[in-house]
Protein backbone atom coordinates (compact mmCIF):
# COMPACT_ATOMS: atom_id res chain seq x y z
CA MET A 1 24.81 -1.38 5.80
CA HIS A 2 26.22 -2.45 2.55
CA PRO A 3 23.84 -3.85 -0.15
CA ASP A 4 25.77 -6.94 -0.31
CA ASP A 5 25.03 -7.75 3.52
CA ALA A 6 22.17 -9.44 2.43
CA GLU A 7 21.33 -11.79 -0.65
CA TRP A 8 18.34 -11.12 -2.98
CA ALA A 9 15.64 -13.78 -2.67
CA ALA A 10 13.12 -11.68 -4.71
CA TRP A 11 9.36 -12.34 -4.53
CA THR A 12 7.71 -13.01 -7.81
CA PRO A 13 5.30 -10.50 -9.40
CA ALA A 14 2.13 -12.55 -8.19
CA GLU A 15 3.65 -12.54 -4.58
CA ALA A 16 3.96 -8.84 -4.61
CA ALA A 17 0.74 -8.33 -6.12
CA GLN A 18 -1.08 -10.38 -3.37
CA ARG A 19 0.47 -8.38 -0.69
CA LEU A 20 -0.38 -4.95 -2.57
CA ALA A 21 -3.94 -6.26 -3.56
CA ALA A 22 -6.00 -4.12 -0.66
CA ILE A 23 -4.00 -0.74 -1.65
CA ASP A 24 -5.39 1.28 -4.13
CA VAL A 25 -2.04 3.17 -5.09
CA PRO A 26 -0.88 3.14 -8.88
CA TRP A 27 1.86 0.66 -8.22
CA ARG A 28 3.20 -1.72 -10.98
CA VAL A 29 5.84 -3.89 -11.91
CA SER A 30 8.92 -2.39 -13.59
CA ALA A 31 12.10 -3.16 -15.36
CA GLY A 32 12.69 -6.54 -16.82
CA TRP A 33 9.74 -8.30 -15.23
CA ALA A 34 7.27 -5.90 -16.55
CA ILE A 35 8.79 -6.84 -20.15
CA ASP A 36 8.05 -10.73 -19.36
CA LEU A 37 4.86 -9.79 -17.94
CA PHE A 38 3.80 -7.88 -21.25
CA LEU A 39 5.17 -10.88 -23.33
CA GLY A 40 3.28 -13.47 -21.26
CA ARG A 41 6.16 -15.61 -20.22
CA GLU A 42 9.28 -15.51 -18.18
CA ARG A 43 12.20 -15.21 -20.58
CA ARG A 44 15.13 -15.18 -18.51
CA GLU A 45 16.01 -15.40 -14.73
CA HIS A 46 15.29 -12.31 -12.54
CA ASP A 47 17.68 -11.39 -9.64
CA ASP A 48 15.41 -8.83 -8.36
CA LEU A 49 11.90 -7.56 -8.29
CA GLU A 50 11.40 -3.94 -9.26
CA LEU A 51 8.01 -1.87 -8.57
CA ALA A 52 7.16 1.54 -9.27
CA ALA A 53 4.91 3.75 -7.54
CA PRO A 54 4.24 7.56 -7.01
CA ALA A 55 6.92 8.94 -4.52
CA GLY A 56 4.17 10.75 -2.61
CA ARG A 57 2.49 7.37 -1.81
CA PHE A 58 5.41 5.31 -1.10
CA ALA A 59 4.59 5.22 2.61
CA GLU A 60 1.08 3.40 1.48
CA VAL A 61 3.31 0.59 -0.06
CA ALA A 62 5.63 0.38 2.44
CA ASP A 63 2.89 -0.11 5.06
CA ALA A 64 1.23 -2.80 2.95
CA LEU A 65 4.75 -4.69 2.85
CA GLY A 66 4.93 -4.50 6.71
CA GLU A 67 7.48 -7.46 6.99
CA LEU A 68 10.03 -5.35 5.16
CA ASP A 69 12.60 -2.79 6.25
CA PHE A 70 13.04 -0.28 3.44
CA HIS A 71 16.42 1.19 2.62
CA VAL A 72 17.54 3.95 0.14
CA VAL A 73 20.40 2.25 -1.99
CA THR A 74 23.35 4.06 -3.70
CA ALA A 75 26.93 3.70 -4.29
CA GLY A 76 27.46 0.59 -1.95
CA ILE A 77 25.09 2.15 0.64
CA ALA A 78 22.02 0.79 2.06
CA GLU A 79 20.51 3.45 4.30
CA PRO A 80 17.50 2.89 6.19
CA ILE A 81 14.73 5.11 5.23
CA ALA A 82 14.22 6.53 8.79
CA THR A 83 17.65 8.23 8.78
CA ALA A 84 17.92 8.88 4.80
CA ALA A 85 15.60 11.89 4.44
CA GLU A 86 18.18 13.72 2.29
CA LEU A 87 18.95 10.61 0.21
CA MET A 88 15.28 10.20 -0.27
CA THR A 89 14.86 13.49 -2.29
CA THR A 90 17.86 12.41 -4.72
CA ILE A 91 17.66 8.53 -5.03
CA HIS A 92 14.50 6.80 -6.36
CA GLN A 93 15.55 3.06 -5.44
CA THR A 94 14.29 1.57 -2.20
CA TRP A 95 15.06 -1.98 -1.43
CA GLY A 96 12.99 -3.86 1.05
CA LEU A 97 14.78 -6.21 3.42
CA ASP A 98 12.84 -9.12 5.08
CA ARG A 99 13.42 -8.68 8.56
CA ALA A 100 12.76 -12.60 9.44
CA ALA A 101 14.73 -14.02 6.45
CA ARG A 102 17.45 -11.20 6.15
CA VAL A 103 17.26 -11.07 2.45
CA TRP A 104 16.05 -8.34 -0.12
CA ARG A 105 12.43 -9.22 -1.51
CA VAL A 106 11.71 -5.88 -3.53
CA ASP A 107 13.11 -2.70 -4.92
CA VAL A 108 10.36 -0.05 -5.09
CA PHE A 109 11.05 2.90 -7.55
CA ARG A 110 9.68 6.07 -6.08
CA GLU A 111 8.62 7.97 -9.25
CA PRO A 112 7.89 11.58 -9.84
CA PHE A 113 4.18 12.27 -10.23
CA ASP A 114 1.64 15.14 -10.57
CA GLU A 115 -2.05 15.54 -10.09
CA ASP A 116 -2.61 13.88 -13.51
CA GLY A 117 -0.25 10.89 -13.27
CA TRP A 118 3.25 9.86 -14.07
CA VAL A 119 6.10 11.81 -14.83
CA ALA A 120 9.41 10.79 -16.27
CA ARG A 121 12.41 11.21 -13.90
CA ARG A 122 14.66 11.88 -16.87
CA ASP A 123 12.60 14.42 -18.65
CA GLU A 124 9.60 15.91 -17.11
CA SER A 125 8.09 16.90 -20.34
CA ILE A 126 7.36 13.11 -20.79
CA ARG A 127 4.07 12.67 -18.66
CA LEU A 128 1.24 10.14 -19.09
CA PRO A 129 -1.86 9.48 -16.80
CA TYR A 130 -1.62 6.29 -14.94
CA ASP A 131 -4.26 4.44 -16.97
CA GLU A 132 -1.83 4.62 -19.88
CA VAL A 133 1.04 3.87 -17.83
CA ILE A 134 -0.27 0.53 -16.15
CA GLU A 135 -1.21 -2.84 -18.05
CA HIS A 136 -2.42 -5.96 -16.44
CA THR A 137 -1.77 -9.35 -16.88
CA PRO A 138 -4.85 -11.60 -17.49
CA ASP A 139 -4.65 -12.25 -14.00
CA GLY A 140 -4.66 -8.89 -12.87
CA ILE A 141 -0.91 -8.33 -12.04
CA PRO A 142 -0.25 -4.40 -12.96
CA TYR A 143 2.87 -3.81 -15.06
CA GLU A 144 4.54 -0.94 -16.56
CA ARG A 145 3.99 -0.44 -20.31
CA PRO A 146 7.21 -1.55 -22.24
CA GLU A 147 7.72 1.74 -23.92
CA ILE A 148 8.31 3.28 -20.39
CA VAL A 149 10.70 0.46 -19.34
CA LEU A 150 12.91 0.40 -22.64
CA LEU A 151 13.05 4.35 -22.28
CA PHE A 152 14.85 3.64 -19.05
CA LYS A 153 16.86 0.68 -20.23
CA ALA A 154 18.21 2.86 -23.29
CA LYS A 155 20.28 4.66 -21.03
CA HIS A 156 22.66 1.81 -20.35
CA ALA A 157 21.67 -0.56 -23.11
CA ARG A 158 23.29 -3.64 -21.76
CA ALA A 159 22.86 -7.20 -23.52
CA LYS A 160 19.82 -7.89 -21.37
CA ASP A 161 18.31 -4.51 -22.42
CA GLU A 162 18.93 -5.14 -26.03
CA ALA A 163 17.27 -8.64 -25.57
CA ASP A 164 14.42 -6.87 -24.07
CA LEU A 165 13.98 -4.39 -27.12
CA ALA A 166 14.27 -7.17 -29.33
CA ALA A 167 11.77 -9.50 -27.82
CA VAL A 168 8.93 -6.41 -27.42
CA LEU A 169 9.49 -4.93 -30.77
CA PRO A 170 7.45 -7.45 -32.85
CA HIS A 171 4.60 -6.78 -30.35
CA LEU A 172 4.52 -3.06 -30.62
CA THR A 173 2.00 -1.27 -32.95
CA VAL A 174 3.37 1.41 -35.29
CA GLU A 175 2.00 3.96 -32.89
CA ARG A 176 3.72 2.44 -29.90
CA ARG A 177 7.03 2.31 -31.53
CA ARG A 178 6.72 5.81 -32.56
CA LEU A 179 5.88 6.98 -29.04
CA LEU A 180 9.10 5.05 -27.85
CA ALA A 181 11.15 6.52 -30.51
CA GLY A 182 10.18 10.10 -29.57
CA TRP A 183 10.93 9.63 -26.11
CA ILE A 184 14.22 8.25 -26.68
CA GLU A 185 15.28 10.90 -29.07
CA ARG A 186 14.26 13.41 -26.44
CA VAL A 187 16.12 11.85 -23.74
CA HIS A 188 18.91 10.31 -25.53
CA PRO A 189 19.35 12.20 -28.98
CA GLY A 190 20.71 9.99 -31.76
CA HIS A 191 20.56 6.74 -29.68
CA PHE A 192 21.59 3.57 -31.67
CA TRP A 193 18.11 2.02 -30.95
CA LEU A 194 16.43 4.57 -32.99
CA PRO A 195 16.82 2.93 -36.44
CA ASP A 196 15.37 -0.26 -35.01
CA LEU A 197 12.20 1.65 -34.01
CA ALA A 198 11.85 3.43 -37.27
């Protein structure tokens, strides 16, 4: 199918967290929603909801979200995971289609990992244990620390990514800014965000 064959009617982070509460996988809200959870408020509308989880434990996430049919999505194609074994090795995005409502609810990023924790998909030398990757809202929703989100947003640096950076920077310690700057310099040498992080 084509990704546009269904509309997005994404769950909120709280709705996803409720459905995933019973599993012990180190999943977390990612991307733009993670920025808003870090800041403690919804700053802008979100068309979708991205979650991240270790690729090797994706099946546990999918089982917990049993009302969804998952598809690997790339280049205008949404291929059911049952027939997308080859794509699953190269594409990390997995959209969940609500069978009953015929709408997309969530996009699960299947992330690299090792026995110690998270591995950055754009540079395997960047690694952190999950207890340093995942932060929590006061009501317990797990989200990806903003330095990781911004590392990936730096690739495209769209207007919304720039706004996310501007919103987060005043809330980062010097140490956290240095961490983000080091990662961006490693993955995107000379990136135009680096002076803002200095």
